[in-house]
Amino acid sequence: MTIDIGFSKIRDFEYVAKRIIENSQFHGVRPPVIEFVGTVKIHGCNLGICQKPDGRLIIQTRETIVNESNNFFGAYDFVQKNKETFEKIFDAVRKTHYPADYKDIYIFTEYFGQGIQRKVGVKHLERRVAILDIVIKEDEENKTKLGYKQLKNYHDFSNDYVKFITQYPGFKQVIDFGASEEELREVLQVLQDYTFEVEKHCPVAAFHLPQDFTEDLIGEGIVWQAVDAPENHGGIFFKVKGVKHIKTKQPKTPEELALLDAATIFAETALDGRLEQGIFKLQEKLLDPKDVKNTGEYVRWVVEDAIDELDDKIKELNLDHRAVKVAIGKKAAAYFKNHIKNGD
């Protein structure tokens, strides 16, 4: 069985701002003023639960189908234990808001807690999920996302281990995409200040732990989504990560890069955080992260993920794509070799 619908990839602020401005220019209108809500970006694993019209549940990560033989950090057992809660949510969606009796419905969550990710505040929690969105598959090409505003209608179905991301502390920010470049940089600084507070003390971890808990509760970042996406723009999401999780350090200017080995320097800016995430991706694919035979798969994922997310920056700096790929691949291979040697 293959994955049908996956959770959408979330870009960074600069990428989304550029697309909104270009889209407005294409339609001959002023870039919009949009209200955004921010929810905590939890450092875990994306887990989707799909209910078929006949009631069957299909569990998936971004990479694999989860079942009894592929329990993936206990995800299969977790869903079975909380099956009644998920089924109540599915039933409410089908009966209350949508005539969806004959449609697949997906609950997309972040699965997090002990043993799933390291070096973050939520590692101290028992494993649990935060529901990020609920999606209805209308047909092969169309889907309906409930989004931030409608998730609140289902809060009553939650329990201590199945929460909605909208039940945790959040943020608000109005952004004028028609503002000057300097003003937009100031907005980004405000967003980064919010993220710094989350990174310093994760609101999700703090929500579940005693007030006198003394260990550091490192958070990851914030996901921002438009409250009401304006016409011609569709759903708008972007993320702002803290410096301890961000995958891209600030690249050098074109002038500085011209004096150095540009591809190698850029590769160094592209890999912070991504190398460790690649290890986790191997586990999602049921591949041993300590087996040298999986070096190629590991390197391939790191390179593709970096190029996909940083393609605009590579073009902006007028770098050679092939040279960047080679440089990233070399650094990823060296990291994986060291990972196997040290047994991290």
C-alpha atoms as a PDB file:
ATOM      1  CA  MET A   1       0.000   0.000   0.000  1.00  0.00           C
ATOM      2  CA  THR A   2       1.337   3.437  -0.920  1.00  0.00           C
ATOM      3  CA  ILE A   3       0.818   6.826   0.731  1.00  0.00           C
ATOM      4  CA  ASP A   4      -2.122   8.617  -0.908  1.00  0.00           C
ATOM      5  CA  ILE A   5      -2.181  12.114   0.599  1.00  0.00           C
ATOM      6  CA  GLY A   6       0.732  13.503   2.588  1.00  0.00           C
ATOM      7  CA  PHE A   7       0.948  16.545   4.840  1.00  0.00           C
ATOM      8  CA  SER A   8       1.976  19.626   2.888  1.00  0.00           C
ATOM      9  CA  LYS A   9       5.589  20.794   3.071  1.00  0.00           C
ATOM     10  CA  ILE A  10       5.914  24.173   4.782  1.00  0.00           C
ATOM     11  CA  ARG A  11       8.260  26.810   3.346  1.00  0.00           C
ATOM     12  CA  ASP A  12      10.014  29.684   5.112  1.00  0.00           C
ATOM     13  CA  PHE A  13       8.826  33.302   5.335  1.00  0.00           C
ATOM     14  CA  GLU A  14      11.078  34.666   2.579  1.00  0.00           C
ATOM     15  CA  TYR A  15       9.865  32.077   0.085  1.00  0.00           C
ATOM     16  CA  VAL A  16       6.183  32.692   0.857  1.00  0.00           C
ATOM     17  CA  ALA A  17       6.533  36.499   0.855  1.00  0.00           C
ATOM     18  CA  LYS A  18       8.205  36.410  -2.553  1.00  0.00           C
ATOM     19  CA  ARG A  19       5.447  34.205  -3.989  1.00  0.00           C
ATOM     20  CA  ILE A  20       2.656  36.407  -2.587  1.00  0.00           C
ATOM     21  CA  ILE A  21       4.232  39.566  -4.021  1.00  0.00           C
ATOM     22  CA  GLU A  22       4.845  37.954  -7.435  1.00  0.00           C
ATOM     23  CA  ASN A  23       1.292  36.567  -7.517  1.00  0.00           C
ATOM     24  CA  SER A  24      -0.134  40.015  -6.755  1.00  0.00           C
ATOM     25  CA  GLN A  25       1.978  41.585  -9.485  1.00  0.00           C
ATOM     26  CA  PHE A  26       0.754  38.960 -11.943  1.00  0.00           C
ATOM     27  CA  HIS A  27      -2.881  39.851 -11.163  1.00  0.00           C
ATOM     28  CA  GLY A  28      -2.167  43.592 -11.193  1.00  0.00           C
ATOM     29  CA  VAL A  29      -3.218  44.170  -7.581  1.00  0.00           C
ATOM     30  CA  ARG A  30      -1.510  45.479  -4.479  1.00  0.00           C
ATOM     31  CA  PRO A  31       0.027  42.730  -2.292  1.00  0.00           C
ATOM     32  CA  PRO A  32      -2.444  41.949   0.513  1.00  0.00           C
ATOM     33  CA  VAL A  33      -2.490  42.650   4.218  1.00  0.00           C
ATOM     34  CA  ILE A  34      -3.011  39.287   5.937  1.00  0.00           C
ATOM     35  CA  GLU A  35      -3.646  38.290   9.537  1.00  0.00           C
ATOM     36  CA  PHE A  36      -1.670  35.214  10.588  1.00  0.00           C
ATOM     37  CA  VAL A  37      -1.940  32.913  13.576  1.00  0.00           C
ATOM     38  CA  GLY A  38       1.152  31.093  14.803  1.00  0.00           C
ATOM     39  CA  THR A  39       1.199  27.649  16.361  1.00  0.00           C
ATOM     40  CA  VAL A  40       4.169  25.934  17.971  1.00  0.00           C
ATOM     41  CA  LYS A  41       6.196  23.759  15.588  1.00  0.00           C
ATOM     42  CA  ILE A  42       6.737  20.566  17.564  1.00  0.00           C
ATOM     43  CA  HIS A  43       9.887  18.535  16.992  1.00  0.00           C
ATOM     44  CA  GLY A  44       8.617  15.017  16.328  1.00  0.00           C
ATOM     45  CA  CYS A  45       7.356  12.968  13.394  1.00  0.00           C
ATOM     46  CA  ASN A  46       4.466  13.723  11.069  1.00  0.00           C
ATOM     47  CA  LEU A  47       1.863  10.980  11.510  1.00  0.00           C
ATOM     48  CA  GLY A  48      -1.326  10.706   9.456  1.00  0.00           C
ATOM     49  CA  ILE A  49      -4.393   8.639  10.316  1.00  0.00           C
ATOM     50  CA  CYS A  50      -6.789   8.031   7.423  1.00  0.00           C
ATOM     51  CA  GLN A  51     -10.293   6.654   7.873  1.00  0.00           C
ATOM     52  CA  LYS A  52     -11.751   4.929   4.842  1.00  0.00           C
ATOM     53  CA  PRO A  53     -15.537   5.066   4.211  1.00  0.00           C
ATOM     54  CA  ASP A  54     -15.838   1.498   5.546  1.00  0.00           C
ATOM     55  CA  GLY A  55     -14.218   2.530   8.839  1.00  0.00           C
ATOM     56  CA  ARG A  56     -10.756   1.077   8.262  1.00  0.00           C
ATOM     57  CA  LEU A  57      -7.861   3.112   9.629  1.00  0.00           C
ATOM     58  CA  ILE A  58      -4.640   3.555   7.649  1.00  0.00           C
ATOM     59  CA  ILE A  59      -1.665   4.969   9.568  1.00  0.00           C
ATOM     60  CA  GLN A  60       1.249   6.621   7.776  1.00  0.00           C
ATOM     61  CA  THR A  61       4.378   8.699   8.225  1.00  0.00           C
ATOM     62  CA  ARG A  62       5.640  10.884   5.391  1.00  0.00           C
ATOM     63  CA  GLU A  63       7.588   7.879   4.131  1.00  0.00           C
ATOM     64  CA  THR A  64       5.858   4.622   5.105  1.00  0.00           C
ATOM     65  CA  ILE A  65       2.657   2.870   6.094  1.00  0.00           C
ATOM     66  CA  VAL A  66       2.607   1.996   9.806  1.00  0.00           C
ATOM     67  CA  ASN A  67       1.248  -1.377  10.899  1.00  0.00           C
ATOM     68  CA  GLU A  68       1.869  -4.167  13.424  1.00  0.00           C
ATOM     69  CA  SER A  69       5.114  -5.214  11.746  1.00  0.00           C
ATOM     70  CA  ASN A  70       6.263  -1.612  11.237  1.00  0.00           C
ATOM     71  CA  ASN A  71       5.286  -0.087  14.555  1.00  0.00           C
ATOM     72  CA  PHE A  72       7.557   2.985  14.090  1.00  0.00           C
ATOM     73  CA  PHE A  73       8.348   4.214  17.606  1.00  0.00           C
ATOM     74  CA  GLY A  74       5.129   2.610  18.863  1.00  0.00           C
ATOM     75  CA  ALA A  75       2.906   4.672  16.538  1.00  0.00           C
ATOM     76  CA  TYR A  76       0.689   1.723  15.598  1.00  0.00           C
ATOM     77  CA  ASP A  77       0.101   0.817  19.259  1.00  0.00           C
ATOM     78  CA  PHE A  78      -0.539   4.468  20.106  1.00  0.00           C
ATOM     79  CA  VAL A  79      -3.248   4.830  17.463  1.00  0.00           C
ATOM     80  CA  GLN A  80      -4.899   1.577  18.543  1.00  0.00           C
ATOM     81  CA  LYS A  81      -4.888   2.703  22.176  1.00  0.00           C
ATOM     82  CA  ASN A  82      -6.532   6.007  21.203  1.00  0.00           C
ATOM     83  CA  LYS A  83      -8.690   4.566  18.430  1.00  0.00           C
ATOM     84  CA  GLU A  84     -11.958   5.571  20.086  1.00  0.00           C
ATOM     85  CA  THR A  85     -10.861   9.218  20.286  1.00  0.00           C
ATOM     86  CA  PHE A  86      -9.848   9.324  16.616  1.00  0.00           C
ATOM     87  CA  GLU A  87     -13.077   7.622  15.547  1.00  0.00           C
ATOM     88  CA  LYS A  88     -15.162  10.191  17.440  1.00  0.00           C
ATOM     89  CA  ILE A  89     -13.369  12.978  15.587  1.00  0.00           C
ATOM     90  CA  PHE A  90     -13.869  11.267  12.229  1.00  0.00           C
ATOM     91  CA  ASP A  91     -17.543  10.710  12.997  1.00  0.00           C
ATOM     92  CA  ALA A  92     -18.047  14.363  13.944  1.00  0.00           C
ATOM     93  CA  VAL A  93     -16.387  15.562  10.737  1.00  0.00           C
ATOM     94  CA  ARG A  94     -18.534  13.284   8.588  1.00  0.00           C
ATOM     95  CA  LYS A  95     -21.827  14.152  10.274  1.00  0.00           C
ATOM     96  CA  THR A  96     -21.504  17.750  11.406  1.00  0.00           C
ATOM     97  CA  HIS A  97     -19.629  19.806   8.862  1.00  0.00           C
ATOM     98  CA  TYR A  98     -19.388  17.781   5.681  1.00  0.00           C
ATOM     99  CA  PRO A  99     -21.458  15.237   3.742  1.00  0.00           C
ATOM    100  CA  ALA A 100     -18.393  13.015   3.710  1.00  0.00           C
ATOM    101  CA  ASP A 101     -19.840   9.535   4.205  1.00  0.00           C
ATOM    102  CA  TYR A 102     -18.130   8.169   1.105  1.00  0.00           C
ATOM    103  CA  LYS A 103     -14.842  10.042   1.320  1.00  0.00           C
ATOM    104  CA  ASP A 104     -11.448   9.369   2.846  1.00  0.00           C
ATOM    105  CA  ILE A 105     -10.674  11.645   5.791  1.00  0.00           C
ATOM    106  CA  TYR A 106      -7.181  12.301   7.119  1.00  0.00           C
ATOM    107  CA  ILE A 107      -6.135  13.495  10.559  1.00  0.00           C
ATOM    108  CA  PHE A 108      -2.589  14.839  10.268  1.00  0.00           C
ATOM    109  CA  THR A 109      -0.646  15.037  13.511  1.00  0.00           C
ATOM    110  CA  GLU A 110       2.785  15.552  14.978  1.00  0.00           C
ATOM    111  CA  TYR A 111       3.759  12.446  16.967  1.00  0.00           C
ATOM    112  CA  PHE A 112       6.242  13.373  19.679  1.00  0.00           C
ATOM    113  CA  GLY A 113       7.643  12.428  23.038  1.00  0.00           C
ATOM    114  CA  GLN A 114      10.206  10.143  24.644  1.00  0.00           C
ATOM    115  CA  GLY A 115      12.669   8.543  22.219  1.00  0.00           C
ATOM    116  CA  ILE A 116      11.289  10.126  19.032  1.00  0.00           C
ATOM    117  CA  GLN A 117      13.528  13.199  18.810  1.00  0.00           C
ATOM    118  CA  ARG A 118      16.487  14.289  20.920  1.00  0.00           C
ATOM    119  CA  LYS A 119      17.688  17.615  22.321  1.00  0.00           C
ATOM    120  CA  VAL A 120      14.202  19.159  22.645  1.00  0.00           C
ATOM    121  CA  GLY A 121      11.846  19.873  25.525  1.00  0.00           C
ATOM    122  CA  VAL A 122       9.122  17.451  24.413  1.00  0.00           C
ATOM    123  CA  LYS A 123      11.534  14.510  24.826  1.00  0.00           C
ATOM    124  CA  HIS A 124      10.502  14.527  28.512  1.00  0.00           C
ATOM    125  CA  LEU A 125       6.848  13.726  27.689  1.00  0.00           C
ATOM    126  CA  GLU A 126       5.114  10.411  27.216  1.00  0.00           C
ATOM    127  CA  ARG A 127       4.441   9.868  23.533  1.00  0.00           C
ATOM    128  CA  ARG A 128       1.408  11.742  22.239  1.00  0.00           C
ATOM    129  CA  VAL A 129       0.096  13.615  19.205  1.00  0.00           C
ATOM    130  CA  ALA A 130      -0.955  17.141  18.361  1.00  0.00           C
ATOM    131  CA  ILE A 131      -3.517  17.319  15.545  1.00  0.00           C
ATOM    132  CA  LEU A 132      -2.307  19.827  12.949  1.00  0.00           C
ATOM    133  CA  ASP A 133      -5.157  19.632  10.441  1.00  0.00           C
ATOM    134  CA  ILE A 134      -8.017  17.472   9.184  1.00  0.00           C
ATOM    135  CA  VAL A 135      -8.278  16.909   5.437  1.00  0.00           C
ATOM    136  CA  ILE A 136     -11.128  15.490   3.351  1.00  0.00           C
ATOM    137  CA  LYS A 137     -10.247  13.883   0.043  1.00  0.00           C
ATOM    138  CA  GLU A 138     -12.982  15.115  -2.270  1.00  0.00           C
ATOM    139  CA  ASP A 139     -11.679  13.248  -5.341  1.00  0.00           C
ATOM    140  CA  GLU A 140      -8.353  12.319  -6.927  1.00  0.00           C
ATOM    141  CA  GLU A 141      -7.374  15.951  -7.511  1.00  0.00           C
ATOM    142  CA  ASN A 142      -9.160  17.953  -4.804  1.00  0.00           C
ATOM    143  CA  LYS A 143      -9.058  18.046  -1.018  1.00  0.00           C
ATOM    144  CA  THR A 144     -10.611  20.230   1.666  1.00  0.00           C
ATOM    145  CA  LYS A 145      -8.571  21.340   4.674  1.00  0.00           C
ATOM    146  CA  LEU A 146     -10.452  22.318   7.812  1.00  0.00           C
ATOM    147  CA  GLY A 147      -7.632  24.613   8.945  1.00  0.00           C
ATOM    148  CA  TYR A 148      -7.012  26.626  12.082  1.00  0.00           C
ATOM    149  CA  LYS A 149     -10.474  28.149  12.519  1.00  0.00           C
ATOM    150  CA  GLN A 150     -12.440  24.896  12.257  1.00  0.00           C
ATOM    151  CA  LEU A 151     -10.130  22.706  14.343  1.00  0.00           C
ATOM    152  CA  LYS A 152     -11.442  24.483  17.437  1.00  0.00           C
ATOM    153  CA  ASN A 153     -14.859  22.915  16.822  1.00  0.00           C
ATOM    154  CA  TYR A 154     -13.393  19.529  17.783  1.00  0.00           C
ATOM    155  CA  HIS A 155     -11.497  20.413  20.983  1.00  0.00           C
ATOM    156  CA  ASP A 156     -14.075  18.582  23.122  1.00  0.00           C
ATOM    157  CA  PHE A 157     -12.941  15.256  21.620  1.00  0.00           C
ATOM    158  CA  SER A 158      -9.354  15.633  22.795  1.00  0.00           C
ATOM    159  CA  ASN A 159      -7.664  13.965  25.747  1.00  0.00           C
ATOM    160  CA  ASP A 160      -4.281  14.352  27.415  1.00  0.00           C
ATOM    161  CA  TYR A 161      -2.543  12.301  24.700  1.00  0.00           C
ATOM    162  CA  VAL A 162      -4.506  13.515  21.677  1.00  0.00           C
ATOM    163  CA  LYS A 163      -4.544  17.299  21.580  1.00  0.00           C
ATOM    164  CA  PHE A 164      -5.171  19.830  18.819  1.00  0.00           C
ATOM    165  CA  ILE A 165      -2.332  22.214  18.040  1.00  0.00           C
ATOM    166  CA  THR A 166      -4.887  24.998  18.568  1.00  0.00           C
ATOM    167  CA  GLN A 167      -5.170  24.038  22.260  1.00  0.00           C
ATOM    168  CA  TYR A 168      -1.599  25.129  22.960  1.00  0.00           C
ATOM    169  CA  PRO A 169      -0.454  28.758  23.394  1.00  0.00           C
ATOM    170  CA  GLY A 170      -0.361  30.615  20.078  1.00  0.00           C
ATOM    171  CA  PHE A 171       0.576  33.912  18.455  1.00  0.00           C
ATOM    172  CA  LYS A 172      -0.908  36.527  16.091  1.00  0.00           C
ATOM    173  CA  GLN A 173       0.709  38.842  13.543  1.00  0.00           C
ATOM    174  CA  VAL A 174      -0.673  41.064  10.791  1.00  0.00           C
ATOM    175  CA  ILE A 175       1.652  41.313   7.766  1.00  0.00           C
ATOM    176  CA  ASP A 176       1.428  43.899   4.986  1.00  0.00           C
ATOM    177  CA  PHE A 177       3.093  42.273   1.975  1.00  0.00           C
ATOM    178  CA  GLY A 178       2.857  45.576   0.134  1.00  0.00           C
ATOM    179  CA  ALA A 179       5.267  47.176   2.595  1.00  0.00           C
ATOM    180  CA  SER A 180       8.838  48.098   1.717  1.00  0.00           C
ATOM    181  CA  GLU A 181      11.676  45.567   1.852  1.00  0.00           C
ATOM    182  CA  GLU A 182      12.994  47.217   5.001  1.00  0.00           C
ATOM    183  CA  GLU A 183       9.580  46.983   6.688  1.00  0.00           C
ATOM    184  CA  LEU A 184       9.278  43.314   5.719  1.00  0.00           C
ATOM    185  CA  ARG A 185      12.709  42.667   7.232  1.00  0.00           C
ATOM    186  CA  GLU A 186      11.444  44.279  10.427  1.00  0.00           C
ATOM    187  CA  VAL A 187       8.418  41.949  10.361  1.00  0.00           C
ATOM    188  CA  LEU A 188      10.740  38.974   9.978  1.00  0.00           C
ATOM    189  CA  GLN A 189      12.682  40.171  13.005  1.00  0.00           C
ATOM    190  CA  VAL A 190       9.460  40.254  15.039  1.00  0.00           C
ATOM    191  CA  LEU A 191       8.665  36.709  13.907  1.00  0.00           C
ATOM    192  CA  GLN A 192      12.174  35.611  14.851  1.00  0.00           C
ATOM    193  CA  ASP A 193      11.751  37.194  18.290  1.00  0.00           C
ATOM    194  CA  TYR A 194       8.618  35.093  18.820  1.00  0.00           C
ATOM    195  CA  THR A 195      10.554  32.038  17.699  1.00  0.00           C
ATOM    196  CA  PHE A 196      13.403  32.817  20.086  1.00  0.00           C
ATOM    197  CA  GLU A 197      10.953  32.683  22.999  1.00  0.00           C
ATOM    198  CA  VAL A 198       9.600  29.314  21.817  1.00  0.00           C
ATOM    199  CA  GLU A 199      13.100  27.939  21.362  1.00  0.00           C
ATOM    200  CA  LYS A 200      14.107  29.129  24.825  1.00  0.00           C
ATOM    201  CA  HIS A 201      11.075  27.558  26.517  1.00  0.00           C
ATOM    202  CA  CYS A 202       8.815  25.243  24.499  1.00  0.00           C
ATOM    203  CA  PRO A 203       5.144  26.062  25.276  1.00  0.00           C
ATOM    204  CA  VAL A 204       4.015  22.534  24.384  1.00  0.00           C
ATOM    205  CA  ALA A 205       6.469  20.850  26.749  1.00  0.00           C
ATOM    206  CA  ALA A 206       5.644  23.372  29.490  1.00  0.00           C
ATOM    207  CA  PHE A 207       1.909  22.757  28.965  1.00  0.00           C
ATOM    208  CA  HIS A 208       2.272  19.108  30.015  1.00  0.00           C
ATOM    209  CA  LEU A 209       5.075  19.267  32.588  1.00  0.00           C
ATOM    210  CA  PRO A 210       4.909  20.432  36.227  1.00  0.00           C
ATOM    211  CA  GLN A 211       5.641  24.111  36.813  1.00  0.00           C
ATOM    212  CA  ASP A 212       8.655  23.218  38.965  1.00  0.00           C
ATOM    213  CA  PHE A 213      10.304  21.180  36.170  1.00  0.00           C
ATOM    214  CA  THR A 214      13.878  22.495  36.041  1.00  0.00           C
ATOM    215  CA  GLU A 215      15.505  21.048  32.899  1.00  0.00           C
ATOM    216  CA  ASP A 216      15.815  23.088  29.702  1.00  0.00           C
ATOM    217  CA  LEU A 217      12.756  22.904  27.449  1.00  0.00           C
ATOM    218  CA  ILE A 218      14.161  23.702  24.014  1.00  0.00           C
ATOM    219  CA  GLY A 219      11.488  24.410  21.395  1.00  0.00           C
ATOM    220  CA  GLU A 220      11.752  24.280  17.626  1.00  0.00           C
ATOM    221  CA  GLY A 221       9.850  27.163  16.056  1.00  0.00           C
ATOM    222  CA  ILE A 222       6.479  28.467  14.910  1.00  0.00           C
ATOM    223  CA  VAL A 223       4.218  27.679  11.950  1.00  0.00           C
ATOM    224  CA  TRP A 224       2.194  30.655  10.711  1.00  0.00           C
ATOM    225  CA  GLN A 225      -0.981  30.342   8.666  1.00  0.00           C
ATOM    226  CA  ALA A 226      -3.356  32.917   7.219  1.00  0.00           C
ATOM    227  CA  VAL A 227      -6.619  33.264   9.131  1.00  0.00           C
ATOM    228  CA  ASP A 228      -8.474  34.044   5.878  1.00  0.00           C
ATOM    229  CA  ALA A 229      -6.406  33.479   2.756  1.00  0.00           C
ATOM    230  CA  PRO A 230      -7.143  36.238   0.207  1.00  0.00           C
ATOM    231  CA  GLU A 231      -8.461  35.496  -3.265  1.00  0.00           C
ATOM    232  CA  ASN A 232      -5.870  34.256  -5.805  1.00  0.00           C
ATOM    233  CA  HIS A 233      -3.481  33.138  -3.059  1.00  0.00           C
ATOM    234  CA  GLY A 234      -4.944  29.892  -1.634  1.00  0.00           C
ATOM    235  CA  GLY A 235      -3.795  28.478   1.701  1.00  0.00           C
ATOM    236  CA  ILE A 236      -0.768  30.326   3.048  1.00  0.00           C
ATOM    237  CA  PHE A 237       1.648  28.769   5.543  1.00  0.00           C
ATOM    238  CA  PHE A 238       5.229  29.468   6.489  1.00  0.00           C
ATOM    239  CA  LYS A 239       7.587  28.464   9.278  1.00  0.00           C
ATOM    240  CA  VAL A 240      10.196  30.277  11.334  1.00  0.00           C
ATOM    241  CA  LYS A 241      12.676  27.994  13.125  1.00  0.00           C
ATOM    242  CA  GLY A 242      14.999  28.739  16.001  1.00  0.00           C
ATOM    243  CA  VAL A 243      18.744  28.819  15.445  1.00  0.00           C
ATOM    244  CA  LYS A 244      19.211  25.447  17.131  1.00  0.00           C
ATOM    245  CA  HIS A 245      16.995  23.749  14.534  1.00  0.00           C
ATOM    246  CA  ILE A 246      17.206  25.942  11.479  1.00  0.00           C
ATOM    247  CA  LYS A 247      18.602  24.193   8.400  1.00  0.00           C
ATOM    248  CA  THR A 248      20.014  27.275   6.677  1.00  0.00           C
ATOM    249  CA  LYS A 249      22.421  29.722   8.192  1.00  0.00           C
ATOM    250  CA  GLN A 250      22.519  33.132   6.551  1.00  0.00           C
ATOM    251  CA  PRO A 251      24.344  32.629   3.219  1.00  0.00           C
ATOM    252  CA  LYS A 252      27.260  34.816   2.205  1.00  0.00           C
ATOM    253  CA  THR A 253      26.682  37.633  -0.269  1.00  0.00           C
ATOM    254  CA  PRO A 254      27.395  36.942  -3.964  1.00  0.00           C
ATOM    255  CA  GLU A 255      30.511  39.101  -3.677  1.00  0.00           C
ATOM    256  CA  GLU A 256      31.866  37.110  -0.726  1.00  0.00           C
ATOM    257  CA  LEU A 257      31.028  33.824  -2.382  1.00  0.00           C
ATOM    258  CA  ALA A 258      32.887  34.899  -5.505  1.00  0.00           C
ATOM    259  CA  LEU A 259      36.093  35.024  -3.461  1.00  0.00           C
ATOM    260  CA  LEU A 260      35.591  31.526  -2.053  1.00  0.00           C
ATOM    261  CA  ASP A 261      34.612  28.081  -3.211  1.00  0.00           C
ATOM    262  CA  ALA A 262      30.954  29.079  -3.530  1.00  0.00           C
ATOM    263  CA  ALA A 263      29.411  25.609  -3.711  1.00  0.00           C
ATOM    264  CA  THR A 264      31.367  24.333  -0.699  1.00  0.00           C
ATOM    265  CA  ILE A 265      30.570  27.393   1.397  1.00  0.00           C
ATOM    266  CA  PHE A 266      26.913  27.178   0.487  1.00  0.00           C
ATOM    267  CA  ALA A 267      26.831  23.478   1.370  1.00  0.00           C
ATOM    268  CA  GLU A 268      28.054  24.362   4.854  1.00  0.00           C
ATOM    269  CA  THR A 269      25.225  26.886   5.271  1.00  0.00           C
ATOM    270  CA  ALA A 270      22.635  24.359   4.069  1.00  0.00           C
ATOM    271  CA  LEU A 271      23.236  21.400   6.365  1.00  0.00           C
ATOM    272  CA  ASP A 272      22.883  22.573   9.952  1.00  0.00           C
ATOM    273  CA  GLY A 273      20.087  20.383  11.383  1.00  0.00           C
ATOM    274  CA  ARG A 274      19.397  18.570   8.118  1.00  0.00           C
ATOM    275  CA  LEU A 275      22.096  15.930   8.673  1.00  0.00           C
ATOM    276  CA  GLU A 276      20.518  14.629  11.879  1.00  0.00           C
ATOM    277  CA  GLN A 277      17.062  14.741  10.296  1.00  0.00           C
ATOM    278  CA  GLY A 278      18.354  12.469   7.525  1.00  0.00           C
ATOM    279  CA  ILE A 279      19.136   9.791  10.118  1.00  0.00           C
ATOM    280  CA  PHE A 280      15.543   9.983  11.302  1.00  0.00           C
ATOM    281  CA  LYS A 281      14.291   9.685   7.711  1.00  0.00           C
ATOM    282  CA  LEU A 282      16.160   6.405   7.288  1.00  0.00           C
ATOM    283  CA  GLN A 283      14.300   5.049  10.306  1.00  0.00           C
ATOM    284  CA  GLU A 284      10.995   6.158   8.770  1.00  0.00           C
ATOM    285  CA  LYS A 285      11.900   4.129   5.674  1.00  0.00           C
ATOM    286  CA  LEU A 286      12.704   1.082   7.871  1.00  0.00           C
ATOM    287  CA  LEU A 287      16.409   1.340   6.997  1.00  0.00           C
ATOM    288  CA  ASP A 288      19.181   0.774   9.544  1.00  0.00           C
ATOM    289  CA  PRO A 289      20.919   4.129  10.217  1.00  0.00           C
ATOM    290  CA  LYS A 290      24.058   2.232  11.299  1.00  0.00           C
ATOM    291  CA  ASP A 291      24.431   0.180   8.098  1.00  0.00           C
ATOM    292  CA  VAL A 292      26.994   1.514   5.633  1.00  0.00           C
ATOM    293  CA  LYS A 293      24.899   0.034   2.805  1.00  0.00           C
ATOM    294  CA  ASN A 294      22.358   2.819   3.423  1.00  0.00           C
ATOM    295  CA  THR A 295      24.866   5.605   2.810  1.00  0.00           C
ATOM    296  CA  GLY A 296      23.526   6.221  -0.705  1.00  0.00           C
ATOM    297  CA  GLU A 297      19.925   6.523   0.467  1.00  0.00           C
ATOM    298  CA  TYR A 298      20.951   8.847   3.281  1.00  0.00           C
ATOM    299  CA  VAL A 299      23.003  11.109   1.032  1.00  0.00           C
ATOM    300  CA  ARG A 300      20.259  11.158  -1.601  1.00  0.00           C
ATOM    301  CA  TRP A 301      17.652  12.361   0.902  1.00  0.00           C
ATOM    302  CA  VAL A 302      19.898  15.093   2.354  1.00  0.00           C
ATOM    303  CA  VAL A 303      20.818  16.412  -1.093  1.00  0.00           C
ATOM    304  CA  GLU A 304      17.243  16.372  -2.433  1.00  0.00           C
ATOM    305  CA  ASP A 305      15.808  18.002   0.702  1.00  0.00           C
ATOM    306  CA  ALA A 306      18.440  20.748   0.673  1.00  0.00           C
ATOM    307  CA  ILE A 307      18.047  21.500  -3.029  1.00  0.00           C
ATOM    308  CA  ASP A 308      14.252  21.481  -2.815  1.00  0.00           C
ATOM    309  CA  GLU A 309      14.148  23.970   0.051  1.00  0.00           C
ATOM    310  CA  LEU A 310      17.015  26.195  -1.098  1.00  0.00           C
ATOM    311  CA  ASP A 311      16.524  26.229  -4.863  1.00  0.00           C
ATOM    312  CA  ASP A 312      15.554  29.925  -4.935  1.00  0.00           C
ATOM    313  CA  LYS A 313      18.623  30.896  -2.913  1.00  0.00           C
ATOM    314  CA  ILE A 314      20.909  28.875  -5.214  1.00  0.00           C
ATOM    315  CA  LYS A 315      19.511  30.718  -8.227  1.00  0.00           C
ATOM    316  CA  GLU A 316      19.714  34.084  -6.478  1.00  0.00           C
ATOM    317  CA  LEU A 317      23.410  33.544  -5.753  1.00  0.00           C
ATOM    318  CA  ASN A 318      23.991  32.272  -9.292  1.00  0.00           C
ATOM    319  CA  LEU A 319      25.526  29.018  -8.062  1.00  0.00           C
ATOM    320  CA  ASP A 320      26.000  25.879 -10.118  1.00  0.00           C
ATOM    321  CA  HIS A 321      23.336  23.344  -9.066  1.00  0.00           C
ATOM    322  CA  ARG A 322      25.523  20.343  -9.850  1.00  0.00           C
ATOM    323  CA  ALA A 323      28.462  21.709  -7.853  1.00  0.00           C
ATOM    324  CA  VAL A 324      26.194  22.426  -4.880  1.00  0.00           C
ATOM    325  CA  LYS A 325      24.775  18.897  -5.004  1.00  0.00           C
ATOM    326  CA  VAL A 326      28.261  17.377  -5.089  1.00  0.00           C
ATOM    327  CA  ALA A 327      29.418  19.524  -2.161  1.00  0.00           C
ATOM    328  CA  ILE A 328      26.355  18.684  -0.059  1.00  0.00           C
ATOM    329  CA  GLY A 329      26.696  15.008  -0.930  1.00  0.00           C
ATOM    330  CA  LYS A 330      30.326  14.891   0.210  1.00  0.00           C
ATOM    331  CA  LYS A 331      29.523  16.499   3.541  1.00  0.00           C
ATOM    332  CA  ALA A 332      26.507  14.232   4.069  1.00  0.00           C
ATOM    333  CA  ALA A 333      28.559  11.099   3.300  1.00  0.00           C
ATOM    334  CA  ALA A 334      31.246  12.176   5.758  1.00  0.00           C
ATOM    335  CA  TYR A 335      28.641  12.847   8.452  1.00  0.00           C
ATOM    336  CA  PHE A 336      27.020   9.428   7.931  1.00  0.00           C
ATOM    337  CA  LYS A 337      30.390   7.654   8.089  1.00  0.00           C
ATOM    338  CA  ASN A 338      31.179   9.418  11.357  1.00  0.00           C
ATOM    339  CA  HIS A 339      27.687   8.599  12.683  1.00  0.00           C
ATOM    340  CA  ILE A 340      28.287   4.868  12.089  1.00  0.00           C
ATOM    341  CA  LYS A 341      31.810   5.013  13.549  1.00  0.00           C
ATOM    342  CA  ASN A 342      30.787   6.787  16.743  1.00  0.00           C
ATOM    343  CA  GLY A 343      27.520   4.913  17.218  1.00  0.00           C
ATOM    344  CA  ASP A 344      25.539   8.109  17.930  1.00  0.00           C
END
